């Protein structure tokens, strides 16, 4: 019997601005969100920035992003695929993601 991972995705109405800002405050998570914003679906391997980051650390970053309502995680075989919940997040926090991504360090 195969057990598929299930993830809790919060209702964005329950996500605070503080949680959203915390999720977007880390440079690695910001790189991940920028990649997702380009339309890329990411798993732990594809999400790593230039320097090597342990898979467990990337997994934790995805958990923080998921808890802030920024990503949706789905199981695809052995991989966990993450997509940006852009439309829903923008409806909850209009302009926030655009502003943060436009002003992120190069």
N, C-alpha and C. Protein backbone atom coordinates (compact mmCIF):
# COMPACT_ATOMS: atom_id res chain seq x y z
N UNK A 1 0.84 -1.17 0.00
CA UNK A 1 0.00 0.00 0.00
C UNK A 1 0.89 1.25 0.00
N UNK A 2 0.61 2.17 -0.89
CA UNK A 2 1.37 3.40 -1.00
C UNK A 2 0.63 4.52 -0.29
N UNK A 3 1.34 5.23 0.54
CA UNK A 3 0.76 6.37 1.25
C UNK A 3 1.31 7.63 0.61
N UNK A 4 0.41 8.46 0.12
CA UNK A 4 0.84 9.71 -0.49
C UNK A 4 0.86 10.81 0.57
N UNK A 5 1.87 11.65 0.46
CA UNK A 5 1.97 12.77 1.40
C UNK A 5 0.83 13.74 1.15
N UNK A 6 0.27 14.25 2.22
CA UNK A 6 -0.75 15.28 2.07
C UNK A 6 -0.27 16.50 2.84
N UNK A 7 -0.60 17.64 2.30
CA UNK A 7 -0.14 18.89 2.88
C UNK A 7 -1.33 19.77 3.22
N UNK A 8 -1.18 20.51 4.29
CA UNK A 8 -2.21 21.47 4.69
C UNK A 8 -1.87 22.80 4.03
N UNK A 9 -2.84 23.31 3.28
CA UNK A 9 -2.68 24.61 2.65
C UNK A 9 -3.68 25.55 3.32
N UNK A 10 -3.18 26.60 3.96
CA UNK A 10 -4.08 27.46 4.71
C UNK A 10 -5.02 28.26 3.82
N UNK A 11 -6.15 28.58 4.38
CA UNK A 11 -7.03 29.53 3.74
C UNK A 11 -6.32 30.88 3.85
N UNK A 12 -6.16 31.57 2.75
CA UNK A 12 -5.39 32.81 2.79
C UNK A 12 -6.04 33.88 3.66
N UNK A 13 -7.32 33.78 3.90
CA UNK A 13 -7.98 34.74 4.80
C UNK A 13 -7.44 34.60 6.23
N UNK A 14 -6.87 33.44 6.53
CA UNK A 14 -6.33 33.19 7.87
C UNK A 14 -4.84 33.51 7.98
N UNK A 15 -4.20 33.89 6.87
CA UNK A 15 -2.77 34.20 6.88
C UNK A 15 -2.58 35.67 7.24
N UNK A 16 -1.73 35.92 8.23
CA UNK A 16 -1.47 37.30 8.64
C UNK A 16 -0.42 37.94 7.75
N UNK A 17 -0.42 39.26 7.73
CA UNK A 17 0.61 39.99 6.99
C UNK A 17 1.99 39.66 7.57
N UNK A 18 2.09 39.52 8.88
CA UNK A 18 3.36 39.18 9.51
C UNK A 18 3.89 37.84 9.01
N UNK A 19 3.03 36.84 8.86
CA UNK A 19 3.45 35.53 8.35
C UNK A 19 3.91 35.64 6.91
N UNK A 20 3.20 36.42 6.11
CA UNK A 20 3.58 36.61 4.71
C UNK A 20 4.93 37.30 4.60
N UNK A 21 5.12 38.35 5.39
CA UNK A 21 6.40 39.08 5.36
C UNK A 21 7.54 38.21 5.86
N UNK A 22 7.28 37.41 6.90
CA UNK A 22 8.31 36.50 7.40
C UNK A 22 8.73 35.53 6.29
N UNK A 23 7.77 34.96 5.59
CA UNK A 23 8.08 34.00 4.53
C UNK A 23 8.90 34.65 3.42
N UNK A 24 8.65 35.91 3.15
CA UNK A 24 9.36 36.61 2.07
C UNK A 24 10.64 37.29 2.54
N UNK A 25 10.98 37.17 3.81
CA UNK A 25 12.14 37.89 4.35
C UNK A 25 13.47 37.16 4.17
N UNK A 26 13.43 35.88 3.90
CA UNK A 26 14.66 35.10 3.77
C UNK A 26 15.16 35.13 2.32
N UNK A 27 16.44 35.41 2.10
CA UNK A 27 16.97 35.49 0.72
C UNK A 27 16.80 34.21 -0.10
N UNK A 28 16.95 33.04 0.52
CA UNK A 28 16.77 31.78 -0.21
C UNK A 28 15.31 31.61 -0.61
N UNK A 29 14.39 31.90 0.31
CA UNK A 29 12.97 31.78 -0.02
C UNK A 29 12.59 32.78 -1.10
N UNK A 30 13.19 33.94 -1.08
CA UNK A 30 12.90 34.96 -2.09
C UNK A 30 13.35 34.49 -3.47
N UNK A 31 14.50 33.83 -3.55
CA UNK A 31 14.95 33.24 -4.82
C UNK A 31 13.97 32.18 -5.29
N UNK A 32 13.52 31.35 -4.36
CA UNK A 32 12.56 30.30 -4.70
C UNK A 32 11.26 30.89 -5.23
N UNK A 33 10.75 31.93 -4.57
CA UNK A 33 9.51 32.57 -4.99
C UNK A 33 9.70 33.23 -6.36
N UNK A 34 10.85 33.84 -6.59
CA UNK A 34 11.12 34.46 -7.89
C UNK A 34 11.12 33.41 -9.00
N UNK A 35 11.70 32.23 -8.74
CA UNK A 35 11.68 31.15 -9.73
C UNK A 35 10.25 30.68 -9.98
N UNK A 36 9.50 30.53 -8.90
CA UNK A 36 8.11 30.11 -9.03
C UNK A 36 7.30 31.15 -9.80
N UNK A 37 7.60 32.42 -9.59
CA UNK A 37 6.86 33.49 -10.25
C UNK A 37 7.10 33.49 -11.77
N UNK A 38 8.21 32.92 -12.20
CA UNK A 38 8.49 32.80 -13.63
C UNK A 38 7.70 31.66 -14.27
N UNK A 39 6.92 30.96 -13.46
CA UNK A 39 6.09 29.88 -13.98
C UNK A 39 6.71 28.50 -13.83
N UNK A 40 7.83 28.42 -13.14
CA UNK A 40 8.48 27.13 -12.93
C UNK A 40 7.84 26.44 -11.72
N UNK A 41 7.50 25.17 -11.89
CA UNK A 41 7.13 24.35 -10.73
C UNK A 41 8.43 23.81 -10.16
N UNK A 42 8.56 23.81 -8.85
CA UNK A 42 9.83 23.43 -8.23
C UNK A 42 9.66 22.27 -7.26
N UNK A 43 10.71 21.44 -7.23
CA UNK A 43 10.84 20.46 -6.17
C UNK A 43 12.09 20.83 -5.38
N UNK A 44 12.48 20.03 -4.42
CA UNK A 44 13.63 20.39 -3.57
C UNK A 44 14.93 20.50 -4.35
N UNK A 45 15.08 19.72 -5.40
CA UNK A 45 16.31 19.77 -6.19
C UNK A 45 16.36 21.02 -7.06
N UNK A 46 15.27 21.32 -7.75
CA UNK A 46 15.24 22.45 -8.67
C UNK A 46 15.18 23.79 -7.94
N UNK A 47 14.83 23.79 -6.68
CA UNK A 47 14.65 25.04 -5.94
C UNK A 47 15.94 25.61 -5.38
N UNK A 48 16.99 24.82 -5.33
CA UNK A 48 18.23 25.29 -4.71
C UNK A 48 18.78 26.50 -5.46
N UNK A 49 19.20 27.51 -4.70
CA UNK A 49 19.87 28.64 -5.34
C UNK A 49 21.27 28.22 -5.80
N UNK A 50 22.09 29.15 -6.18
CA UNK A 50 23.41 28.84 -6.73
C UNK A 50 24.26 27.98 -5.80
N UNK A 51 24.35 28.35 -4.53
CA UNK A 51 25.16 27.56 -3.61
C UNK A 51 24.40 26.33 -3.16
N UNK A 52 25.12 25.26 -2.82
CA UNK A 52 24.43 24.05 -2.38
C UNK A 52 23.71 24.27 -1.05
N UNK A 53 22.46 23.93 -1.03
CA UNK A 53 21.64 24.02 0.17
C UNK A 53 21.08 22.62 0.42
N UNK A 54 21.18 22.10 1.63
CA UNK A 54 20.67 20.75 1.91
C UNK A 54 19.18 20.63 1.57
N UNK A 55 18.81 19.46 1.08
CA UNK A 55 17.42 19.19 0.71
C UNK A 55 16.48 19.43 1.89
N UNK A 56 16.92 19.08 3.09
CA UNK A 56 16.08 19.27 4.27
C UNK A 56 15.82 20.77 4.54
N UNK A 57 16.81 21.60 4.25
CA UNK A 57 16.65 23.05 4.43
C UNK A 57 15.66 23.60 3.40
N UNK A 58 15.79 23.16 2.15
CA UNK A 58 14.86 23.60 1.10
C UNK A 58 13.45 23.14 1.45
N UNK A 59 13.32 21.92 1.95
CA UNK A 59 12.02 21.40 2.36
C UNK A 59 11.41 22.27 3.46
N UNK A 60 12.22 22.71 4.39
CA UNK A 60 11.74 23.60 5.46
C UNK A 60 11.31 24.95 4.89
N UNK A 61 12.07 25.47 3.94
CA UNK A 61 11.69 26.73 3.30
C UNK A 61 10.33 26.59 2.61
N UNK A 62 10.12 25.47 1.92
CA UNK A 62 8.81 25.24 1.28
C UNK A 62 7.71 25.17 2.33
N UNK A 63 7.98 24.58 3.49
CA UNK A 63 6.96 24.51 4.55
C UNK A 63 6.58 25.91 5.00
N UNK A 64 7.57 26.77 5.17
CA UNK A 64 7.29 28.15 5.59
C UNK A 64 6.49 28.89 4.52
N UNK A 65 6.87 28.71 3.26
CA UNK A 65 6.14 29.35 2.17
C UNK A 65 4.71 28.80 2.08
N UNK A 66 4.54 27.50 2.29
CA UNK A 66 3.22 26.88 2.25
C UNK A 66 2.35 27.40 3.40
N UNK A 67 2.91 27.50 4.60
CA UNK A 67 2.16 27.99 5.75
C UNK A 67 1.75 29.45 5.60
N UNK A 68 2.50 30.20 4.80
CA UNK A 68 2.16 31.60 4.55
C UNK A 68 1.22 31.75 3.35
N UNK A 69 0.82 30.63 2.77
CA UNK A 69 -0.13 30.67 1.66
C UNK A 69 0.49 31.00 0.31
N UNK A 70 1.80 30.99 0.22
CA UNK A 70 2.47 31.35 -1.03
C UNK A 70 2.57 30.20 -2.03
N UNK A 71 2.70 28.98 -1.54
CA UNK A 71 2.85 27.85 -2.46
C UNK A 71 1.84 26.76 -2.16
N UNK A 72 1.58 25.98 -3.20
CA UNK A 72 0.76 24.77 -3.08
C UNK A 72 1.68 23.61 -3.41
N UNK A 73 1.67 22.59 -2.58
CA UNK A 73 2.53 21.43 -2.76
C UNK A 73 1.67 20.22 -3.09
N UNK A 74 2.05 19.53 -4.17
CA UNK A 74 1.36 18.30 -4.57
C UNK A 74 2.37 17.19 -4.72
N UNK A 75 1.94 16.00 -4.39
CA UNK A 75 2.79 14.82 -4.53
C UNK A 75 2.69 14.31 -5.96
N UNK A 76 3.86 14.05 -6.57
CA UNK A 76 3.93 13.48 -7.91
C UNK A 76 4.94 12.34 -7.85
N UNK A 77 4.46 11.16 -7.52
CA UNK A 77 5.38 10.04 -7.31
C UNK A 77 6.19 10.28 -6.06
N UNK A 78 7.52 10.26 -6.22
CA UNK A 78 8.40 10.50 -5.07
C UNK A 78 8.73 11.97 -4.90
N UNK A 79 8.35 12.78 -5.84
CA UNK A 79 8.65 14.22 -5.80
C UNK A 79 7.48 15.01 -5.22
N UNK A 80 7.80 16.11 -4.60
CA UNK A 80 6.81 17.07 -4.14
C UNK A 80 6.96 18.30 -5.03
N UNK A 81 5.92 18.60 -5.78
CA UNK A 81 5.96 19.71 -6.74
C UNK A 81 5.27 20.91 -6.12
N UNK A 82 5.94 22.05 -6.17
CA UNK A 82 5.43 23.28 -5.57
C UNK A 82 5.12 24.30 -6.66
N UNK A 83 3.95 24.92 -6.53
CA UNK A 83 3.55 25.98 -7.45
C UNK A 83 3.16 27.21 -6.64
N UNK A 84 3.33 28.35 -7.26
CA UNK A 84 3.01 29.61 -6.60
C UNK A 84 1.50 29.85 -6.64
N UNK A 85 0.93 30.22 -5.51
CA UNK A 85 -0.50 30.57 -5.43
C UNK A 85 -0.64 32.08 -5.69
N UNK A 86 -0.16 32.51 -6.82
CA UNK A 86 -0.03 33.94 -7.14
C UNK A 86 -1.37 34.67 -7.09
N UNK A 87 -2.37 34.18 -7.80
CA UNK A 87 -3.65 34.87 -7.86
C UNK A 87 -4.30 34.99 -6.48
N UNK A 88 -4.29 33.90 -5.72
CA UNK A 88 -4.89 33.91 -4.39
C UNK A 88 -4.12 34.83 -3.44
N UNK A 89 -2.77 34.77 -3.51
CA UNK A 89 -1.95 35.60 -2.64
C UNK A 89 -2.14 37.08 -2.98
N UNK A 90 -2.19 37.40 -4.28
CA UNK A 90 -2.40 38.79 -4.70
C UNK A 90 -3.78 39.30 -4.27
N UNK A 91 -4.78 38.43 -4.27
CA UNK A 91 -6.11 38.85 -3.82
C UNK A 91 -6.09 39.18 -2.33
N UNK A 92 -5.31 38.44 -1.56
CA UNK A 92 -5.23 38.66 -0.11
C UNK A 92 -4.34 39.86 0.24
N UNK A 93 -3.21 39.97 -0.45
CA UNK A 93 -2.25 41.05 -0.19
C UNK A 93 -1.91 41.75 -1.50
N UNK A 94 -2.81 42.60 -2.00
CA UNK A 94 -2.60 43.24 -3.31
C UNK A 94 -1.28 44.02 -3.36
N UNK A 95 -0.49 43.73 -4.38
CA UNK A 95 0.74 44.46 -4.63
C UNK A 95 1.94 44.03 -3.80
N UNK A 96 1.74 43.24 -2.77
CA UNK A 96 2.85 42.87 -1.88
C UNK A 96 3.92 42.07 -2.62
N UNK A 97 3.52 41.03 -3.29
CA UNK A 97 4.49 40.17 -3.97
C UNK A 97 5.21 40.93 -5.08
N UNK A 98 4.47 41.74 -5.84
CA UNK A 98 5.11 42.55 -6.89
C UNK A 98 6.15 43.48 -6.29
N UNK A 99 5.82 44.12 -5.19
CA UNK A 99 6.73 45.07 -4.54
C UNK A 99 7.97 44.36 -4.01
N UNK A 100 7.79 43.24 -3.34
CA UNK A 100 8.92 42.52 -2.76
C UNK A 100 9.83 41.99 -3.88
N UNK A 101 9.26 41.42 -4.91
CA UNK A 101 10.08 40.87 -6.00
C UNK A 101 10.79 41.97 -6.78
N UNK A 102 10.14 43.11 -6.97
CA UNK A 102 10.75 44.22 -7.70
C UNK A 102 11.91 44.84 -6.94
N UNK A 103 11.89 44.72 -5.62
CA UNK A 103 12.92 45.36 -4.79
C UNK A 103 13.90 44.38 -4.17
N UNK A 104 13.90 43.15 -4.62
CA UNK A 104 14.83 42.17 -4.04
C UNK A 104 16.24 42.44 -4.54
N UNK A 105 17.23 42.09 -3.73
CA UNK A 105 18.63 42.27 -4.14
C UNK A 105 18.94 41.43 -5.37
N UNK A 106 19.78 41.94 -6.20
CA UNK A 106 20.15 41.22 -7.44
C UNK A 106 21.12 40.11 -7.17
